[in-house]
Amino acid sequence: MKRINVSLNSIEKVKTFVNDINRFDCDFDLVSGRYVIDAKSIMGIFSLDLSKPIELIIHADGDELDQALNALAGYMA
């Protein structure tokens, strides 16, 4: 498991983010305050305050975690 901060401050960025993480079999959660949502849910993401970075929890280890981090490099805050 790995925690990183991501910035999803535009509609286009949210769309590409969801497409990028849906390629992986592992789970991703977004945490904003007391809310935890499935990061693969575009509707869930739009229910959050996207004006500031959001914590992303990646539930993966080893190779899959490394691949996910590489795919998410452009979103890291």
N, C-alpha and C. Protein backbone atom coordinates (compact mmCIF):
# COMPACT_ATOMS: atom_id res chain seq x y z
N MET A 1 0.84 -1.18 0.00
CA MET A 1 0.00 0.00 0.00
C MET A 1 0.89 1.24 0.00
N LYS A 2 0.48 2.24 -0.77
CA LYS A 2 1.25 3.48 -0.89
C LYS A 2 0.27 4.65 -0.90
N ARG A 3 0.65 5.74 -0.22
CA ARG A 3 -0.16 6.95 -0.19
C ARG A 3 0.59 8.07 -0.91
N ILE A 4 -0.09 8.73 -1.85
CA ILE A 4 0.48 9.88 -2.56
C ILE A 4 -0.60 10.96 -2.67
N ASN A 5 -0.19 12.18 -2.94
CA ASN A 5 -1.14 13.26 -3.21
C ASN A 5 -1.22 13.47 -4.70
N VAL A 6 -2.45 13.62 -5.20
CA VAL A 6 -2.67 13.86 -6.62
C VAL A 6 -3.48 15.14 -6.80
N SER A 7 -3.27 15.79 -7.94
CA SER A 7 -4.01 16.99 -8.28
C SER A 7 -4.91 16.68 -9.47
N LEU A 8 -6.22 16.82 -9.27
CA LEU A 8 -7.21 16.56 -10.31
C LEU A 8 -8.06 17.81 -10.49
N ASN A 9 -7.43 18.88 -10.97
CA ASN A 9 -8.06 20.19 -10.96
C ASN A 9 -8.77 20.57 -12.27
N SER A 10 -9.00 19.60 -13.15
CA SER A 10 -9.78 19.89 -14.36
C SER A 10 -10.57 18.65 -14.75
N ILE A 11 -11.63 18.86 -15.51
CA ILE A 11 -12.48 17.75 -15.95
C ILE A 11 -11.68 16.78 -16.81
N GLU A 12 -10.86 17.31 -17.71
CA GLU A 12 -10.05 16.45 -18.59
C GLU A 12 -9.06 15.62 -17.78
N LYS A 13 -8.47 16.21 -16.75
CA LYS A 13 -7.52 15.49 -15.91
C LYS A 13 -8.20 14.34 -15.16
N VAL A 14 -9.42 14.57 -14.69
CA VAL A 14 -10.18 13.52 -14.00
C VAL A 14 -10.47 12.37 -14.97
N LYS A 15 -10.89 12.69 -16.19
CA LYS A 15 -11.20 11.64 -17.18
C LYS A 15 -9.97 10.79 -17.49
N THR A 16 -8.83 11.44 -17.75
CA THR A 16 -7.63 10.66 -18.08
C THR A 16 -7.13 9.88 -16.87
N PHE A 17 -7.27 10.45 -15.67
CA PHE A 17 -6.88 9.75 -14.44
C PHE A 17 -7.67 8.45 -14.28
N VAL A 18 -8.98 8.53 -14.43
CA VAL A 18 -9.83 7.34 -14.29
C VAL A 18 -9.47 6.30 -15.35
N ASN A 19 -9.25 6.74 -16.59
CA ASN A 19 -8.85 5.81 -17.65
C ASN A 19 -7.52 5.15 -17.33
N ASP A 20 -6.57 5.92 -16.80
CA ASP A 20 -5.24 5.36 -16.48
C ASP A 20 -5.31 4.33 -15.36
N ILE A 21 -6.06 4.60 -14.30
CA ILE A 21 -6.07 3.64 -13.18
C ILE A 21 -6.97 2.44 -13.44
N ASN A 22 -7.90 2.55 -14.36
CA ASN A 22 -8.75 1.40 -14.67
C ASN A 22 -8.00 0.29 -15.39
N ARG A 23 -6.78 0.56 -15.85
CA ARG A 23 -5.96 -0.48 -16.47
C ARG A 23 -5.40 -1.46 -15.44
N PHE A 24 -5.44 -1.08 -14.17
CA PHE A 24 -4.85 -1.90 -13.11
C PHE A 24 -5.92 -2.69 -12.37
N ASP A 25 -5.54 -3.89 -11.89
CA ASP A 25 -6.46 -4.75 -11.15
C ASP A 25 -6.56 -4.38 -9.67
N CYS A 26 -5.60 -3.63 -9.17
CA CYS A 26 -5.60 -3.30 -7.74
C CYS A 26 -6.61 -2.19 -7.44
N ASP A 27 -6.85 -1.98 -6.16
CA ASP A 27 -7.81 -0.96 -5.73
C ASP A 27 -7.12 0.37 -5.47
N PHE A 28 -7.85 1.45 -5.73
CA PHE A 28 -7.38 2.81 -5.49
C PHE A 28 -8.47 3.54 -4.72
N ASP A 29 -8.11 4.23 -3.65
CA ASP A 29 -9.06 5.04 -2.89
C ASP A 29 -8.59 6.48 -2.87
N LEU A 30 -9.53 7.42 -2.97
CA LEU A 30 -9.24 8.84 -2.80
C LEU A 30 -9.79 9.27 -1.46
N VAL A 31 -8.98 10.00 -0.68
CA VAL A 31 -9.37 10.45 0.65
C VAL A 31 -9.35 11.97 0.68
N SER A 32 -10.49 12.54 1.02
CA SER A 32 -10.60 13.99 1.15
C SER A 32 -11.38 14.26 2.43
N GLY A 33 -10.66 14.71 3.46
CA GLY A 33 -11.30 14.91 4.76
C GLY A 33 -11.77 13.59 5.32
N ARG A 34 -13.06 13.51 5.60
CA ARG A 34 -13.61 12.25 6.15
C ARG A 34 -14.23 11.37 5.08
N TYR A 35 -14.11 11.77 3.82
CA TYR A 35 -14.68 11.00 2.71
C TYR A 35 -13.63 10.12 2.07
N VAL A 36 -14.00 8.86 1.84
CA VAL A 36 -13.15 7.91 1.11
C VAL A 36 -13.99 7.36 -0.03
N ILE A 37 -13.49 7.54 -1.26
CA ILE A 37 -14.26 7.05 -2.41
C ILE A 37 -13.36 6.18 -3.29
N ASP A 38 -14.00 5.35 -4.09
CA ASP A 38 -13.30 4.51 -5.06
C ASP A 38 -12.76 5.41 -6.16
N ALA A 39 -11.45 5.44 -6.35
CA ALA A 39 -10.85 6.33 -7.34
C ALA A 39 -11.18 5.94 -8.77
N LYS A 40 -11.72 4.75 -8.98
CA LYS A 40 -12.11 4.32 -10.33
C LYS A 40 -13.51 4.82 -10.70
N SER A 41 -14.16 5.52 -9.77
CA SER A 41 -15.51 6.04 -9.99
C SER A 41 -15.45 7.52 -10.35
N ILE A 42 -15.71 7.83 -11.61
CA ILE A 42 -15.65 9.22 -12.05
C ILE A 42 -16.70 10.07 -11.33
N MET A 43 -17.88 9.52 -11.07
CA MET A 43 -18.91 10.26 -10.34
C MET A 43 -18.48 10.51 -8.89
N GLY A 44 -17.83 9.53 -8.29
CA GLY A 44 -17.34 9.71 -6.93
C GLY A 44 -16.30 10.82 -6.85
N ILE A 45 -15.41 10.88 -7.83
CA ILE A 45 -14.37 11.90 -7.84
C ILE A 45 -14.99 13.29 -7.92
N PHE A 46 -16.01 13.44 -8.75
CA PHE A 46 -16.64 14.75 -8.89
C PHE A 46 -17.42 15.18 -7.65
N SER A 47 -17.62 14.27 -6.69
CA SER A 47 -18.29 14.65 -5.45
C SER A 47 -17.30 15.26 -4.44
N LEU A 48 -16.00 15.23 -4.77
CA LEU A 48 -14.97 15.77 -3.88
C LEU A 48 -14.60 17.20 -4.24
N ASP A 49 -13.94 17.88 -3.31
CA ASP A 49 -13.41 19.22 -3.56
C ASP A 49 -12.11 19.05 -4.34
N LEU A 50 -12.14 19.37 -5.63
CA LEU A 50 -10.99 19.15 -6.50
C LEU A 50 -10.07 20.37 -6.59
N SER A 51 -10.34 21.40 -5.81
CA SER A 51 -9.53 22.61 -5.88
C SER A 51 -8.18 22.46 -5.18
N LYS A 52 -8.01 21.40 -4.40
CA LYS A 52 -6.74 21.16 -3.72
C LYS A 52 -6.32 19.70 -3.92
N PRO A 53 -5.05 19.39 -3.68
CA PRO A 53 -4.61 18.00 -3.85
C PRO A 53 -5.38 17.03 -2.95
N ILE A 54 -5.55 15.82 -3.44
CA ILE A 54 -6.30 14.78 -2.75
C ILE A 54 -5.36 13.60 -2.51
N GLU A 55 -5.51 12.95 -1.36
CA GLU A 55 -4.68 11.79 -1.05
C GLU A 55 -5.20 10.56 -1.79
N LEU A 56 -4.30 9.88 -2.48
CA LEU A 56 -4.63 8.64 -3.19
C LEU A 56 -3.94 7.49 -2.49
N ILE A 57 -4.71 6.46 -2.16
CA ILE A 57 -4.15 5.24 -1.56
C ILE A 57 -4.17 4.16 -2.62
N ILE A 58 -2.99 3.62 -2.91
CA ILE A 58 -2.86 2.55 -3.90
C ILE A 58 -2.69 1.24 -3.15
N HIS A 59 -3.60 0.32 -3.34
CA HIS A 59 -3.55 -0.98 -2.66
C HIS A 59 -2.85 -1.99 -3.55
N ALA A 60 -1.53 -1.87 -3.65
CA ALA A 60 -0.73 -2.76 -4.49
C ALA A 60 0.67 -2.85 -3.91
N ASP A 61 1.40 -3.85 -4.34
CA ASP A 61 2.78 -4.05 -3.91
C ASP A 61 3.63 -4.41 -5.12
N GLY A 62 4.93 -4.32 -4.92
CA GLY A 62 5.89 -4.79 -5.92
C GLY A 62 5.77 -4.15 -7.28
N ASP A 63 5.78 -5.01 -8.29
CA ASP A 63 5.77 -4.58 -9.68
C ASP A 63 4.53 -3.76 -10.04
N GLU A 64 3.37 -4.22 -9.57
CA GLU A 64 2.13 -3.51 -9.89
C GLU A 64 2.14 -2.10 -9.28
N LEU A 65 2.68 -1.95 -8.08
CA LEU A 65 2.79 -0.64 -7.46
C LEU A 65 3.72 0.26 -8.27
N ASP A 66 4.85 -0.28 -8.70
CA ASP A 66 5.80 0.52 -9.50
C ASP A 66 5.16 0.97 -10.81
N GLN A 67 4.41 0.09 -11.46
CA GLN A 67 3.75 0.45 -12.71
C GLN A 67 2.68 1.52 -12.49
N ALA A 68 1.93 1.38 -11.40
CA ALA A 68 0.90 2.37 -11.08
C ALA A 68 1.53 3.73 -10.80
N LEU A 69 2.62 3.76 -10.04
CA LEU A 69 3.29 5.03 -9.74
C LEU A 69 3.81 5.70 -11.00
N ASN A 70 4.35 4.90 -11.92
CA ASN A 70 4.82 5.46 -13.21
C ASN A 70 3.65 6.04 -14.01
N ALA A 71 2.52 5.35 -14.02
CA ALA A 71 1.36 5.82 -14.77
C ALA A 71 0.76 7.09 -14.16
N LEU A 72 0.95 7.26 -12.84
CA LEU A 72 0.34 8.39 -12.14
C LEU A 72 1.30 9.57 -11.93
N ALA A 73 2.49 9.49 -12.46
CA ALA A 73 3.49 10.53 -12.24
C ALA A 73 2.99 11.91 -12.63
N GLY A 74 2.24 12.01 -13.69
CA GLY A 74 1.73 13.30 -14.16
C GLY A 74 0.65 13.93 -13.29
N TYR A 75 0.11 13.15 -12.37
CA TYR A 75 -0.97 13.64 -11.49
C TYR A 75 -0.47 14.00 -10.10
N MET A 76 0.75 13.60 -9.77
CA MET A 76 1.25 13.80 -8.41
C MET A 76 1.40 15.29 -8.09
N ALA A 77 0.94 15.63 -6.89
CA ALA A 77 0.99 17.05 -6.47
C ALA A 77 2.26 17.33 -5.69
